[in-house]
Amino acid sequence: MKELPNPTFDLSPIALPRGLLHRSFTQPNSFTNETTKRNVIEVSWAKHQDEIREAQQLRYQVFGQEMGARLPETVPGHDIDVFDDYCEHLLVRDAASQLVIGTYRVLTPAQAKRIGGTYSDTEFDLTRLRDLRTRMVELGRSCVHPDHRHGGVILALWGALFEFMARNQLDIMIGCASIPMLHNGMVSGDAAASLWRHLQMQDRNMASIEFHVRPRLPLPIEELDATLDVEAPALIKGYLRLGAKILGAPAWDPDFNTADLPMMMRVKDLPHRYSKHFLGA
């Protein structure tokens, strides 16, 4: 088993090193009528290459097989890109089976500097965020196994992420939140255009214009039907409840069959009820 190097990003004196966080959670099993039975999930940071491969397998299952994304065949059955070697990988496991059922990858400011930017930079012109980069963590490749999408897994991931931010004295998260292009069984941008129009009309969802970014390959909103009644994906609704803001119009990602919204979350904007839950503040 290949041991990963120690983290190379700047850490505070109480920083959380790779693999140190191991926490168990109990969550109701939504797939059984026996309410006395509970699932136990474990959260940790990947510390071996084999553990990252498990996360990449889950990503391939969700993005490639479920969503139909076109993924490079670097390793068959795995979703791998050039950013993976620079990221920390957060894992949620089912305690009984030890299978990875949820994951996020985290690109810290120092590692983003090493690779020359973030994944979001490939989809958006982030010039207006340049003064934030020393405090800005990028979250990406979030996914949960289809049998475990009952809320507990994503809450466990978020809890670990906010603890990571607090321990390392970082206060801004950015990332691309994906809107599937598949609607009513067909690949179409109409649903994404409609959702963008709906979210844009609510001022509380939008960041200040000083932080707005521009997509490199814009979703062609003006050519699409933006009048559909479409519900936002659960992850986007969750981000907005946590105080995240949308940074501008979506980019079109043809490889992943998605329209990607640029989003930013500042820890100080976390509503009190969530701050108390995640940070004890």
Protein backbone atom coordinates (compact mmCIF):
# COMPACT_ATOMS: atom_id res chain seq x y z
CA MET A 1 0.00 0.00 0.00
CA LYS A 2 1.53 3.29 -1.07
CA GLU A 3 1.79 5.81 1.75
CA LEU A 4 1.00 9.35 0.67
CA PRO A 5 3.44 12.16 1.55
CA ASN A 6 2.68 14.48 4.42
CA PRO A 7 0.50 17.43 3.42
CA THR A 8 2.53 20.16 1.72
CA PHE A 9 0.08 23.00 2.28
CA ASP A 10 0.46 25.66 4.96
CA LEU A 11 -1.05 24.52 8.24
CA SER A 12 -1.77 26.17 11.55
CA PRO A 13 -0.16 24.72 14.72
CA ILE A 14 -3.33 22.69 15.40
CA ALA A 15 -3.71 21.62 11.80
CA LEU A 16 -5.38 18.38 10.89
CA PRO A 17 -2.92 16.08 9.10
CA ARG A 18 -3.98 13.54 6.57
CA GLY A 19 -5.78 10.55 8.02
CA LEU A 20 -6.19 11.93 11.54
CA LEU A 21 -9.92 12.54 11.43
CA HIS A 22 -11.84 9.34 12.22
CA ARG A 23 -15.37 9.87 13.43
CA SER A 24 -18.35 7.56 13.53
CA PHE A 25 -21.93 8.67 12.95
CA THR A 26 -25.20 6.82 13.28
CA GLN A 27 -27.88 7.52 10.73
CA PRO A 28 -31.33 5.99 10.21
CA ASN A 29 -31.43 3.33 7.54
CA SER A 30 -33.94 4.70 5.05
CA PHE A 31 -34.01 1.43 3.13
CA THR A 32 -35.62 -0.68 5.85
CA ASN A 33 -38.89 -0.45 7.74
CA GLU A 34 -37.19 -1.53 10.94
CA THR A 35 -36.50 1.85 12.49
CA THR A 36 -34.44 0.30 15.26
CA LYS A 37 -31.73 -0.60 12.75
CA ARG A 38 -29.15 2.11 12.11
CA ASN A 39 -26.28 2.65 9.71
CA VAL A 40 -22.92 3.67 11.10
CA ILE A 41 -20.70 5.77 8.85
CA GLU A 42 -17.05 6.69 9.32
CA VAL A 43 -15.30 9.82 8.08
CA SER A 44 -11.58 10.02 7.37
CA TRP A 45 -8.97 11.62 5.14
CA ALA A 46 -7.27 9.37 2.60
CA LYS A 47 -3.74 8.49 3.63
CA HIS A 48 -2.90 5.83 1.05
CA GLN A 49 -3.10 5.76 -2.73
CA ASP A 50 -5.42 2.77 -2.47
CA GLU A 51 -7.93 4.88 -0.54
CA ILE A 52 -7.90 7.56 -3.23
CA ARG A 53 -8.51 4.82 -5.81
CA GLU A 54 -11.65 3.85 -3.86
CA ALA A 55 -12.91 7.42 -4.08
CA GLN A 56 -12.10 7.54 -7.78
CA GLN A 57 -14.06 4.32 -8.32
CA LEU A 58 -17.12 5.82 -6.62
CA ARG A 59 -16.73 8.96 -8.74
CA TYR A 60 -16.61 6.85 -11.89
CA GLN A 61 -19.76 4.99 -10.84
CA VAL A 62 -21.67 8.22 -10.19
CA PHE A 63 -20.31 10.50 -12.91
CA GLY A 64 -19.51 7.99 -15.62
CA GLN A 65 -22.07 5.23 -15.27
CA GLU A 66 -24.98 7.10 -13.68
CA MET A 67 -24.63 10.54 -15.29
CA GLY A 68 -23.02 9.47 -18.55
CA ALA A 69 -19.95 11.70 -18.29
CA ARG A 70 -17.12 11.14 -20.75
CA LEU A 71 -14.14 10.37 -18.53
CA PRO A 72 -10.53 9.72 -19.56
CA GLU A 73 -9.54 6.06 -19.22
CA THR A 74 -6.38 6.72 -17.20
CA VAL A 75 -7.25 3.72 -15.04
CA PRO A 76 -10.29 1.72 -16.20
CA GLY A 77 -13.29 2.17 -13.90
CA HIS A 78 -11.82 5.25 -12.18
CA ASP A 79 -12.41 9.00 -12.52
CA ILE A 80 -8.93 10.54 -12.43
CA ASP A 81 -7.66 13.96 -13.44
CA VAL A 82 -4.52 16.05 -12.99
CA PHE A 83 -5.79 17.75 -9.82
CA ASP A 84 -6.19 14.54 -7.81
CA ASP A 85 -2.50 14.29 -6.87
CA TYR A 86 -2.61 17.80 -5.38
CA CYS A 87 -5.82 17.34 -3.38
CA GLU A 88 -6.77 16.01 0.01
CA HIS A 89 -9.51 13.38 -0.34
CA LEU A 90 -12.28 13.15 2.25
CA LEU A 91 -14.00 9.78 2.53
CA VAL A 92 -17.17 8.49 4.14
CA ARG A 93 -17.37 4.72 4.64
CA ASP A 94 -20.16 2.40 5.58
CA ALA A 95 -18.82 0.96 8.83
CA ALA A 96 -20.23 -2.52 8.20
CA SER A 97 -18.95 -3.03 4.65
CA GLN A 98 -16.06 -0.51 4.76
CA LEU A 99 -17.07 0.64 1.27
CA VAL A 100 -16.54 4.29 0.39
CA ILE A 101 -20.03 5.74 -0.01
CA GLY A 102 -19.24 9.46 -0.18
CA THR A 103 -16.32 11.69 -1.07
CA TYR A 104 -15.09 15.23 -1.61
CA ARG A 105 -11.71 16.39 -2.76
CA VAL A 106 -10.13 19.53 -1.30
CA LEU A 107 -7.55 21.72 -3.04
CA THR A 108 -5.83 24.07 -0.60
CA PRO A 109 -4.33 27.48 -1.50
CA ALA A 110 -0.73 26.26 -1.40
CA GLN A 111 -1.49 23.23 -3.55
CA ALA A 112 -3.47 25.35 -6.03
CA LYS A 113 -0.40 27.56 -6.33
CA ARG A 114 1.77 24.51 -6.98
CA ILE A 115 -0.39 23.21 -9.81
CA GLY A 116 -1.04 26.69 -11.19
CA GLY A 117 -4.73 27.13 -10.39
CA THR A 118 -7.94 25.36 -9.49
CA TYR A 119 -10.33 23.18 -11.45
CA SER A 120 -12.74 26.11 -11.35
CA ASP A 121 -10.15 28.18 -13.23
CA THR A 122 -10.57 25.83 -16.19
CA GLU A 123 -14.30 26.67 -16.37
CA PHE A 124 -14.36 30.31 -15.24
CA ASP A 125 -12.29 33.48 -15.32
CA LEU A 126 -11.70 33.95 -11.59
CA THR A 127 -9.83 37.25 -11.86
CA ARG A 128 -12.15 38.96 -9.38
CA LEU A 129 -11.27 36.39 -6.73
CA ARG A 130 -7.51 36.96 -6.94
CA ASP A 131 -7.33 38.73 -3.57
CA LEU A 132 -9.05 35.77 -1.87
CA ARG A 133 -6.77 32.99 -3.09
CA THR A 134 -4.53 32.77 -0.02
CA ARG A 135 -7.61 31.87 2.07
CA MET A 136 -9.60 30.01 -0.59
CA VAL A 137 -10.12 26.24 -0.64
CA GLU A 138 -11.68 24.56 -3.65
CA LEU A 139 -14.15 21.73 -3.11
CA GLY A 140 -14.84 19.34 -5.93
CA ARG A 141 -15.90 15.92 -7.20
CA SER A 142 -18.58 15.60 -4.52
CA CYS A 143 -20.63 12.45 -4.83
CA VAL A 144 -22.60 9.96 -2.72
CA HIS A 145 -23.41 6.35 -3.54
CA PRO A 146 -27.02 6.07 -4.79
CA ASP A 147 -27.95 3.69 -1.96
CA HIS A 148 -26.92 6.22 0.71
CA ARG A 149 -28.48 9.51 -0.40
CA HIS A 150 -30.46 10.03 2.78
CA GLY A 151 -28.74 13.17 4.06
CA GLY A 152 -26.49 11.65 6.69
CA VAL A 153 -23.51 11.17 4.38
CA ILE A 154 -23.45 14.74 3.07
CA LEU A 155 -23.88 16.13 6.60
CA ALA A 156 -20.92 14.05 7.74
CA LEU A 157 -18.83 15.36 4.82
CA TRP A 158 -19.78 18.96 5.55
CA GLY A 159 -19.00 18.55 9.22
CA ALA A 160 -15.49 17.30 8.42
CA LEU A 161 -14.96 20.07 5.86
CA PHE A 162 -15.89 22.85 8.27
CA GLU A 163 -13.63 21.35 10.93
CA PHE A 164 -10.82 21.24 8.37
CA MET A 165 -11.37 24.92 7.55
CA ALA A 166 -11.39 25.96 11.19
CA ARG A 167 -8.28 23.97 12.11
CA ASN A 168 -6.31 25.35 9.17
CA GLN A 169 -7.52 28.94 9.58
CA LEU A 170 -9.09 29.07 6.13
CA ASP A 171 -12.41 30.79 5.61
CA ILE A 172 -13.52 30.64 1.96
CA MET A 173 -14.68 27.66 -0.11
CA ILE A 174 -15.34 27.76 -3.83
CA GLY A 175 -16.42 25.16 -6.34
CA CYS A 176 -18.62 24.26 -9.29
CA ALA A 177 -22.12 23.03 -8.45
CA SER A 178 -23.45 20.90 -11.28
CA ILE A 179 -26.92 20.97 -12.84
CA PRO A 180 -27.57 17.80 -14.87
CA MET A 181 -28.45 18.43 -18.51
CA LEU A 182 -30.64 15.34 -18.58
CA HIS A 183 -34.31 16.36 -18.32
CA ASN A 184 -37.34 14.18 -19.05
CA GLY A 185 -35.07 11.53 -20.47
CA MET A 186 -33.31 13.86 -22.91
CA VAL A 187 -30.05 15.77 -22.76
CA SER A 188 -31.07 19.41 -22.96
CA GLY A 189 -29.93 22.71 -21.50
CA ASP A 190 -33.50 23.93 -20.98
CA ALA A 191 -33.72 22.71 -17.38
CA ALA A 192 -30.37 24.27 -16.48
CA ALA A 193 -31.32 27.57 -18.15
CA SER A 194 -34.64 27.61 -16.31
CA LEU A 195 -33.01 26.90 -12.96
CA TRP A 196 -30.40 29.60 -13.50
CA ARG A 197 -33.13 32.11 -14.36
CA HIS A 198 -35.06 31.18 -11.21
CA LEU A 199 -32.01 31.37 -8.91
CA GLN A 200 -30.80 34.62 -10.46
CA MET A 201 -34.10 36.34 -9.75
CA GLN A 202 -33.65 35.79 -6.01
CA ASP A 203 -31.10 38.36 -4.84
CA ARG A 204 -30.29 36.40 -1.70
CA ASN A 205 -28.71 33.68 -3.86
CA MET A 206 -26.27 35.96 -5.65
CA ALA A 207 -22.86 37.16 -4.48
CA SER A 208 -21.91 40.82 -4.61
CA ILE A 209 -21.00 41.88 -8.14
CA GLU A 210 -17.40 42.44 -7.05
CA PHE A 211 -17.04 38.65 -6.86
CA HIS A 212 -18.80 37.75 -10.11
CA VAL A 213 -16.89 35.52 -12.50
CA ARG A 214 -17.31 34.74 -16.20
CA PRO A 215 -17.71 31.27 -17.74
CA ARG A 216 -15.16 30.30 -20.36
CA LEU A 217 -17.76 28.22 -22.24
CA PRO A 218 -21.09 29.81 -21.28
CA LEU A 219 -24.32 27.85 -21.31
CA PRO A 220 -26.17 29.49 -24.27
CA ILE A 221 -29.09 30.75 -22.15
CA GLU A 222 -30.57 32.90 -24.91
CA GLU A 223 -30.94 29.85 -27.19
CA LEU A 224 -32.73 27.73 -24.60
CA ASP A 225 -36.18 27.54 -23.03
CA ALA A 226 -35.73 29.11 -19.60
CA THR A 227 -39.40 28.93 -18.60
CA LEU A 228 -39.55 25.39 -17.18
CA ASP A 229 -40.51 24.76 -13.56
CA VAL A 230 -37.39 22.94 -12.36
CA GLU A 231 -36.31 22.08 -8.84
CA ALA A 232 -32.69 22.69 -7.90
CA PRO A 233 -30.49 19.63 -7.22
CA ALA A 234 -30.28 18.77 -3.53
CA LEU A 235 -26.63 19.75 -3.28
CA ILE A 236 -27.25 23.25 -4.64
CA LYS A 237 -30.21 23.72 -2.27
CA GLY A 238 -27.98 22.56 0.57
CA TYR A 239 -25.21 24.99 -0.33
CA LEU A 240 -27.66 27.90 -0.45
CA ARG A 241 -29.06 26.96 2.97
CA LEU A 242 -25.51 27.05 4.32
CA GLY A 243 -25.10 30.63 3.10
CA ALA A 244 -23.23 29.97 -0.17
CA LYS A 245 -23.61 32.48 -2.99
CA ILE A 246 -23.68 32.07 -6.76
CA LEU A 247 -20.88 33.95 -8.53
CA GLY A 248 -22.46 34.27 -11.96
CA ALA A 249 -23.89 32.48 -14.97
CA PRO A 250 -23.27 28.76 -15.51
CA ALA A 251 -20.59 27.24 -17.68
CA TRP A 252 -21.36 24.36 -20.01
CA ASP A 253 -19.40 21.17 -19.38
CA PRO A 254 -20.09 18.88 -22.35
CA ASP A 255 -17.91 16.07 -20.99
CA PHE A 256 -19.95 15.77 -17.78
CA ASN A 257 -23.33 16.57 -19.36
CA THR A 258 -23.79 19.40 -16.85
CA ALA A 259 -24.16 23.13 -16.50
CA ASP A 260 -21.85 24.26 -13.69
CA LEU A 261 -22.68 27.12 -11.36
CA PRO A 262 -19.73 28.91 -9.74
CA MET A 263 -20.35 29.12 -6.00
CA MET A 264 -18.57 30.56 -2.99
CA MET A 265 -19.16 29.91 0.70
CA ARG A 266 -17.60 32.03 3.43
CA VAL A 267 -17.42 30.47 6.86
CA LYS A 268 -18.55 33.74 8.45
CA ASP A 269 -21.78 33.57 6.42
CA LEU A 270 -22.74 30.19 7.86
CA PRO A 271 -26.15 30.62 9.57
CA HIS A 272 -25.98 30.33 13.34
CA ARG A 273 -27.87 27.05 13.56
CA TYR A 274 -25.36 25.42 11.20
CA SER A 275 -22.36 27.12 12.79
CA LYS A 276 -23.44 25.71 16.15
CA HIS A 277 -23.96 22.25 14.64
CA PHE A 278 -20.71 22.06 12.64
CA LEU A 279 -18.35 24.27 14.66
CA GLY A 280 -19.91 24.43 18.09
CA ALA A 281 -19.90 28.24 17.74
